[in-house]
N, C-alpha and C. Protein backbone atom coordinates (compact mmCIF):
# COMPACT_ATOMS: atom_id res chain seq x y z
N MET A 1 117.30 106.70 161.80
CA MET A 1 116.39 106.81 160.62
C MET A 1 115.81 105.53 160.02
N LYS A 2 114.45 105.35 159.27
CA LYS A 2 114.48 104.25 158.72
C LYS A 2 114.67 104.24 157.40
N LYS A 3 115.15 102.59 156.78
CA LYS A 3 115.76 102.52 155.87
C LYS A 3 114.76 103.34 154.66
N LEU A 4 114.66 103.73 154.30
CA LEU A 4 113.88 104.09 152.71
C LEU A 4 113.91 102.59 152.38
N PHE A 5 114.72 102.33 151.79
CA PHE A 5 114.70 101.10 151.06
C PHE A 5 115.10 99.44 151.43
N SER A 6 114.16 99.05 152.25
CA SER A 6 114.31 97.88 153.32
C SER A 6 114.25 96.74 152.08
N ASN A 7 115.19 95.98 152.72
CA ASN A 7 114.44 94.03 151.41
C ASN A 7 113.00 94.29 151.04
N ASN A 8 112.13 93.76 151.70
CA ASN A 8 110.82 93.77 151.49
C ASN A 8 110.39 94.92 150.72
N ASN A 9 110.91 96.14 150.98
CA ASN A 9 109.90 96.79 150.20
C ASN A 9 110.81 97.05 148.68
N LEU A 10 112.14 96.79 148.43
CA LEU A 10 113.06 95.95 147.13
C LEU A 10 112.50 95.58 146.92
N ILE A 11 112.34 94.63 147.11
CA ILE A 11 111.03 93.39 146.77
C ILE A 11 110.27 93.83 145.94
N LYS A 12 109.00 94.42 146.55
CA LYS A 12 108.05 94.62 145.84
C LYS A 12 108.34 95.33 144.66
N MET A 13 109.02 96.01 144.99
CA MET A 13 109.51 97.79 144.14
C MET A 13 109.45 96.60 142.54
N ILE A 14 110.88 95.47 142.97
CA ILE A 14 111.34 95.07 141.80
C ILE A 14 110.54 94.18 140.87
N PHE A 15 109.33 93.88 142.03
CA PHE A 15 108.50 93.31 141.57
C PHE A 15 107.37 93.59 140.33
N VAL A 16 106.84 94.68 140.88
CA VAL A 16 106.09 95.50 140.32
C VAL A 16 106.13 95.83 139.01
N LEU A 17 107.85 96.57 139.06
CA LEU A 17 108.73 97.14 137.91
C LEU A 17 108.71 95.91 136.90
N VAL A 18 108.57 94.43 137.49
CA VAL A 18 108.62 93.33 135.72
C VAL A 18 107.29 93.56 136.22
N ILE A 19 106.03 93.49 136.68
CA ILE A 19 104.42 93.29 135.88
C ILE A 19 104.32 94.28 135.08
N ILE A 20 104.53 95.24 135.31
CA ILE A 20 104.62 96.80 134.53
C ILE A 20 105.19 96.15 133.20
N SER A 21 106.28 96.07 132.88
CA SER A 21 107.62 95.82 131.72
C SER A 21 106.93 94.82 131.15
N TYR A 22 106.31 93.48 131.68
CA TYR A 22 105.83 92.33 131.06
C TYR A 22 104.22 93.16 130.20
N ALA A 23 103.92 94.01 131.18
CA ALA A 23 102.45 94.37 130.49
C ALA A 23 102.62 95.29 129.94
N ILE A 24 103.55 95.90 129.37
CA ILE A 24 104.01 96.73 128.21
C ILE A 24 104.29 95.99 126.86
N ILE A 25 104.89 95.41 127.29
CA ILE A 25 105.99 94.39 126.10
C ILE A 25 104.52 93.01 125.57
N THR A 26 104.30 92.77 126.08
CA THR A 26 102.72 92.52 125.93
C THR A 26 101.71 92.77 125.41
N LEU A 27 101.46 93.99 125.76
CA LEU A 27 100.20 94.96 125.46
C LEU A 27 101.31 95.35 123.91
N THR A 28 101.41 95.95 123.38
CA THR A 28 103.52 96.64 122.25
C THR A 28 102.78 95.17 121.47
N ALA A 29 103.14 93.54 121.49
CA ALA A 29 103.10 93.44 121.03
C ALA A 29 101.37 92.40 120.13
N GLN A 30 100.78 92.98 121.16
CA GLN A 30 99.35 92.19 121.09
C GLN A 30 98.66 93.69 119.67
N GLN A 31 99.58 94.81 120.00
CA GLN A 31 99.11 96.15 118.67
C GLN A 31 99.42 95.54 117.58
N LYS A 32 100.69 95.10 117.75
CA LYS A 32 101.49 94.60 116.12
C LYS A 32 100.92 93.90 116.08
N LYS A 33 100.05 92.94 116.95
CA LYS A 33 99.97 91.24 115.65
C LYS A 33 98.12 92.30 114.99
N LEU A 34 97.54 92.88 116.15
CA LEU A 34 96.08 93.02 115.59
C LEU A 34 96.09 94.40 114.83
N ASN A 35 96.87 95.06 113.98
CA ASN A 35 97.79 95.71 113.02
C ASN A 35 97.77 95.24 111.90
N SER A 36 99.00 94.11 111.99
CA SER A 36 99.06 92.92 111.11
C SER A 36 97.95 92.45 110.33
N TYR A 37 96.36 92.32 111.45
CA TYR A 37 95.74 91.83 110.78
C TYR A 37 94.67 92.44 109.93
N ALA A 38 95.03 94.04 110.72
CA ALA A 38 93.71 95.11 109.78
C ALA A 38 94.46 95.38 108.94
N ASN A 39 95.60 94.50 108.23
CA ASN A 39 96.08 95.25 106.67
C ASN A 39 95.98 93.55 106.32
N THR A 40 95.62 92.38 106.11
CA THR A 40 95.58 91.66 106.24
C THR A 40 93.97 91.46 105.87
N ASN A 41 93.32 92.22 106.99
CA ASN A 41 91.62 92.11 106.25
C ASN A 41 91.33 93.11 105.41
N LYS A 42 92.44 94.69 105.28
CA LYS A 42 91.65 95.66 104.21
C LYS A 42 92.42 94.84 102.67
N TYR A 43 93.79 93.90 102.34
CA TYR A 43 94.09 93.47 101.54
C TYR A 43 92.66 92.45 100.95
N TYR A 44 92.60 91.59 101.64
CA TYR A 44 91.94 90.29 101.67
C TYR A 44 90.20 91.61 100.62
N THR A 45 89.83 92.09 101.50
CA THR A 45 89.18 92.93 100.93
C THR A 45 88.93 93.30 99.76
N SER A 46 89.57 94.11 99.77
CA SER A 46 90.27 94.84 98.16
C SER A 46 90.03 93.46 96.89
N LYS A 47 90.91 92.04 97.14
CA LYS A 47 90.78 91.76 96.13
C LYS A 47 89.12 90.83 96.44
N ILE A 48 89.07 91.54 97.53
CA ILE A 48 87.14 90.81 97.10
C ILE A 48 86.73 91.23 96.14
N GLU A 49 86.66 93.05 96.73
CA GLU A 49 85.75 93.34 95.56
C GLU A 49 86.44 93.21 93.90
N GLU A 50 88.06 93.28 94.14
CA GLU A 50 87.68 93.45 92.61
C GLU A 50 88.04 91.99 92.11
N GLN A 51 87.19 90.85 92.58
CA GLN A 51 87.12 89.93 92.09
C GLN A 51 85.13 89.55 92.23
N LYS A 52 84.64 90.13 92.84
CA LYS A 52 83.09 90.91 92.63
C LYS A 52 83.10 91.75 90.76
N GLU A 53 84.12 92.35 90.99
CA GLU A 53 83.94 93.16 89.49
C GLU A 53 84.33 92.44 88.37
N TYR A 54 85.24 91.41 88.64
CA TYR A 54 85.46 90.76 87.48
C TYR A 54 84.41 89.97 87.61
N LYS A 55 83.30 89.17 88.41
CA LYS A 55 82.78 88.72 88.13
C LYS A 55 80.89 88.79 87.33
N GLU A 56 81.28 90.08 87.79
CA GLU A 56 79.99 91.38 87.02
C GLU A 56 80.38 91.26 85.35
N LYS A 57 82.39 91.71 85.45
CA LYS A 57 82.19 91.85 83.60
C LYS A 57 81.88 90.76 83.25
N LEU A 58 82.12 89.26 83.74
CA LEU A 58 81.75 87.91 83.02
C LEU A 58 80.39 87.59 83.22
N VAL A 59 79.54 88.46 83.80
CA VAL A 59 78.11 87.60 83.77
C VAL A 59 77.77 88.88 82.35
N LYS A 60 78.42 89.97 82.19
CA LYS A 60 77.63 90.43 81.64
C LYS A 60 77.77 90.60 80.00
N THR A 61 79.43 89.50 79.97
CA THR A 61 79.96 88.62 78.25
C THR A 61 79.07 87.46 78.68
N LYS A 62 78.77 87.30 79.55
CA LYS A 62 77.94 85.93 79.21
C LYS A 62 76.52 86.24 78.73
N GLU A 63 76.09 87.26 79.88
CA GLU A 63 74.61 87.74 78.25
C GLU A 63 74.79 88.10 77.07
N ASN A 64 75.96 87.87 76.85
CA ASN A 64 76.60 89.11 75.52
C ASN A 64 76.45 88.09 74.53
N LEU A 65 77.79 86.59 74.52
CA LEU A 65 77.59 86.33 73.91
C LEU A 65 77.39 85.77 73.04
N ASN A 66 76.30 85.49 73.21
CA ASN A 66 75.28 85.08 71.13
C ASN A 66 74.86 86.42 70.66
N SER A 67 74.98 87.22 71.33
CA SER A 67 74.49 88.42 69.60
C SER A 67 75.69 89.09 68.86
N ASP A 68 75.39 89.43 67.87
CA ASP A 68 75.67 89.97 67.18
C ASP A 68 76.92 90.72 67.01
N GLU A 69 76.75 91.77 68.24
CA GLU A 69 77.46 92.33 67.89
C GLU A 69 78.79 92.02 68.31
N TYR A 70 78.93 90.78 70.12
CA TYR A 70 80.00 90.58 70.37
C TYR A 70 80.55 89.48 69.15
N ILE A 71 79.77 88.46 68.60
CA ILE A 71 80.71 87.80 67.66
C ILE A 71 81.02 88.21 66.62
N GLU A 72 80.71 89.52 65.90
CA GLU A 72 81.59 90.71 65.11
C GLU A 72 82.94 91.08 66.09
N LYS A 73 82.55 91.18 67.28
CA LYS A 73 83.54 91.56 67.57
C LYS A 73 85.08 91.06 67.64
N ILE A 74 84.50 89.82 68.09
CA ILE A 74 85.17 88.80 68.21
C ILE A 74 85.97 88.27 67.28
N ALA A 75 85.20 88.52 66.56
CA ALA A 75 85.93 87.47 64.31
C ALA A 75 86.77 89.19 64.53
N ARG A 76 86.74 90.02 64.53
CA ARG A 76 87.57 91.35 64.12
C ARG A 76 88.60 91.67 65.05
N GLU A 77 88.58 90.87 66.02
CA GLU A 77 89.49 91.15 67.08
C GLU A 77 90.94 89.65 66.77
N LYS A 78 90.20 88.63 67.38
CA LYS A 78 90.39 87.46 67.29
C LYS A 78 91.40 86.77 66.46
N LEU A 79 90.37 86.79 65.36
CA LEU A 79 90.31 85.94 64.26
C LEU A 79 90.56 86.88 63.11
N ASP A 80 91.03 88.30 62.93
CA ASP A 80 91.32 88.95 61.66
C ASP A 80 90.12 89.04 60.97
N MET A 81 89.15 88.97 60.43
CA MET A 81 87.66 88.57 60.11
C MET A 81 87.24 89.76 59.86
N TYR A 82 87.07 90.04 58.75
CA TYR A 82 86.51 91.35 58.48
C TYR A 82 85.60 91.59 56.72
N TYR A 83 84.84 91.95 57.24
CA TYR A 83 83.41 92.11 55.97
C TYR A 83 84.15 91.58 54.22
N PRO A 84 83.32 91.09 53.39
CA PRO A 84 84.21 91.25 51.58
C PRO A 84 83.64 92.67 51.46
N ASN A 85 85.20 93.19 50.80
CA ASN A 85 85.45 94.54 50.33
C ASN A 85 85.60 95.75 50.96
N GLU A 86 86.33 94.84 52.13
CA GLU A 86 86.44 96.05 53.57
C GLU A 86 87.26 96.73 53.44
N LYS A 87 88.16 97.90 53.53
CA LYS A 87 88.95 97.93 54.00
C LYS A 87 90.03 98.11 54.90
N VAL A 88 90.83 97.81 55.55
CA VAL A 88 91.54 97.62 57.18
C VAL A 88 92.48 98.10 56.64
N TYR A 89 93.18 99.12 57.58
CA TYR A 89 94.47 99.51 57.78
C TYR A 89 94.63 99.57 59.55
N VAL A 90 96.19 99.56 58.78
CA VAL A 90 96.82 98.71 60.15
C VAL A 90 98.15 100.07 60.49
N ASP A 91 97.75 100.46 61.52
CA ASP A 91 99.09 101.57 61.69
C ASP A 91 100.44 100.83 62.38
N VAL A 92 101.13 100.55 61.74
CA VAL A 92 102.59 99.52 61.64
C VAL A 92 103.75 100.77 62.91
N ALA A 93 103.31 101.81 63.32
CA ALA A 93 103.78 102.73 64.02
C ALA A 93 104.13 102.40 65.13
N GLN A 94 103.02 101.55 65.77
CA GLN A 94 102.93 101.19 66.98
C GLN A 94 103.81 99.90 67.58
């Protein structure tokens, strides 16, 4: 009866198993890197969108910078300035 696993066949099988194992490990590592890159891409894409929205807000503010309404709003909120004879009520419960 022939030997089922001769030295030559055994070496070939071990070599094939090593190659398959290497391929599986490499593919798994590459998939992890791809997932990491995809997550990083999502993060920076969302950051870019946030900055675009912030830029639009700043452009609108720049356009309204010299308007009377904006000047009045800033005077009231930041400088605590009010019209003469205007009554201001402050809610102290906050």
